[in-house]
Amino acid sequence: MIAGVALSRPPILTVAKLSPLLMEQLTAAYVVHDRLHETDPAAFAKVAPQIRAIAGSGESKVPRSLMDQLPALELVSIMGVGYDGVDVPAALERRIP
């Protein structure tokens, strides 16, 4: 809390099965939305505009079509080897590291 204002946890999106330890740390710091298990497109569309980061593994797919649904996206974090599944040109167009 800063000057009487509670800080909220930013929303992020996971696009891979991540380790339990990592998930514990992520859920402590962020509101985690799991793209792999989200079965309701309307529910995802409701939260998508607020999602600020994507967390995935080296096998994750992060295509332009997903980034297009996330206007507040600031970061794509891939834990593991490789990032072949990330549309790097689309990320660079959005100045996303």
Protein backbone atom coordinates (compact mmCIF):
# COMPACT_ATOMS: atom_id res chain seq x y z
CA MET A 1 0.00 0.00 0.00
CA ILE A 2 1.38 3.40 -0.98
CA ALA A 3 -0.20 6.54 0.51
CA GLY A 4 -3.40 4.68 1.31
CA VAL A 5 -3.72 3.10 -2.14
CA ALA A 6 -3.58 -0.69 -2.42
CA LEU A 7 -1.42 -1.96 -5.26
CA SER A 8 -3.14 -4.62 -7.32
CA ARG A 9 -1.44 -7.61 -8.88
CA PRO A 10 -1.06 -7.13 -12.65
CA PRO A 11 -2.74 -9.74 -14.86
CA ILE A 12 -0.54 -12.08 -16.88
CA LEU A 13 -1.19 -14.99 -19.22
CA THR A 14 0.49 -18.39 -19.11
CA VAL A 15 0.67 -20.29 -22.40
CA ALA A 16 2.43 -23.43 -21.14
CA LYS A 17 2.47 -25.79 -18.22
CA LEU A 18 5.01 -24.23 -15.87
CA SER A 19 6.67 -25.73 -12.81
CA PRO A 20 4.67 -25.70 -9.56
CA LEU A 21 7.35 -23.56 -7.89
CA LEU A 22 7.23 -20.98 -10.67
CA MET A 23 3.41 -20.98 -10.65
CA GLU A 24 3.45 -20.40 -6.89
CA GLN A 25 5.71 -17.38 -7.35
CA LEU A 26 3.68 -16.04 -10.27
CA THR A 27 0.34 -16.35 -8.47
CA ALA A 28 1.79 -14.55 -5.44
CA ALA A 29 2.75 -11.54 -7.56
CA TYR A 30 0.24 -11.57 -10.44
CA VAL A 31 -3.29 -12.52 -11.38
CA VAL A 32 -2.53 -15.52 -13.58
CA HIS A 33 -4.80 -16.46 -16.48
CA ASP A 34 -4.11 -19.91 -17.94
CA ARG A 35 -4.59 -19.90 -21.73
CA LEU A 36 -4.24 -23.69 -21.94
CA HIS A 37 -7.29 -24.30 -19.78
CA GLU A 38 -9.43 -21.29 -20.73
CA THR A 39 -12.40 -22.78 -22.55
CA ASP A 40 -14.69 -19.75 -22.63
CA PRO A 41 -13.72 -17.30 -25.41
CA ALA A 42 -15.99 -14.62 -23.95
CA ALA A 43 -14.27 -14.87 -20.56
CA PHE A 44 -10.85 -14.57 -22.22
CA ALA A 45 -12.01 -11.61 -24.32
CA LYS A 46 -13.07 -9.88 -21.11
CA VAL A 47 -9.64 -10.14 -19.43
CA ALA A 48 -7.43 -9.95 -22.55
CA PRO A 49 -7.29 -6.13 -22.73
CA GLN A 50 -5.70 -5.93 -19.27
CA ILE A 51 -3.06 -8.67 -19.67
CA ARG A 52 0.41 -7.15 -19.49
CA ALA A 53 2.72 -10.15 -19.87
CA ILE A 54 2.90 -13.67 -21.27
CA ALA A 55 4.84 -16.46 -19.54
CA GLY A 56 5.63 -19.64 -21.41
CA SER A 57 8.18 -22.36 -22.12
CA GLY A 58 10.48 -22.94 -25.08
CA GLU A 59 7.73 -24.95 -26.78
CA SER A 60 5.08 -22.23 -26.38
CA LYS A 61 3.31 -20.63 -29.30
CA VAL A 62 2.87 -16.86 -29.10
CA PRO A 63 1.55 -15.87 -32.53
CA ARG A 64 0.66 -12.42 -33.77
CA SER A 65 -3.04 -13.37 -33.50
CA LEU A 66 -2.66 -13.80 -29.72
CA MET A 67 -0.67 -10.59 -29.31
CA ASP A 68 -3.34 -8.74 -31.30
CA GLN A 69 -5.85 -9.66 -28.57
CA LEU A 70 -3.63 -8.19 -25.83
CA PRO A 71 -3.35 -4.41 -26.36
CA ALA A 72 -1.68 -3.85 -22.95
CA LEU A 73 1.00 -6.51 -23.58
CA GLU A 74 4.45 -5.32 -22.47
CA LEU A 75 6.49 -8.51 -22.07
CA VAL A 76 6.80 -12.03 -23.46
CA SER A 77 8.88 -14.23 -21.13
CA ILE A 78 9.91 -17.68 -22.35
CA MET A 79 11.54 -19.91 -19.75
CA GLY A 80 13.57 -22.66 -21.34
CA VAL A 81 15.44 -23.24 -24.57
CA GLY A 82 14.34 -21.43 -27.70
CA TYR A 83 11.64 -19.01 -28.67
CA ASP A 84 10.80 -20.35 -32.13
CA GLY A 85 7.08 -20.24 -31.30
CA VAL A 86 7.13 -16.49 -30.63
CA ASP A 87 6.27 -14.20 -33.53
CA VAL A 88 9.32 -12.01 -32.95
CA PRO A 89 8.54 -9.47 -35.72
CA ALA A 90 5.07 -8.93 -34.21
CA ALA A 91 6.62 -8.47 -30.76
CA LEU A 92 9.20 -6.01 -32.09
CA GLU A 93 6.49 -3.99 -33.84
CA ARG A 94 4.90 -3.55 -30.41
CA ARG A 95 8.26 -2.85 -28.75
CA ILE A 96 7.86 -5.94 -26.59
CA PRO A 97 11.13 -7.42 -25.31
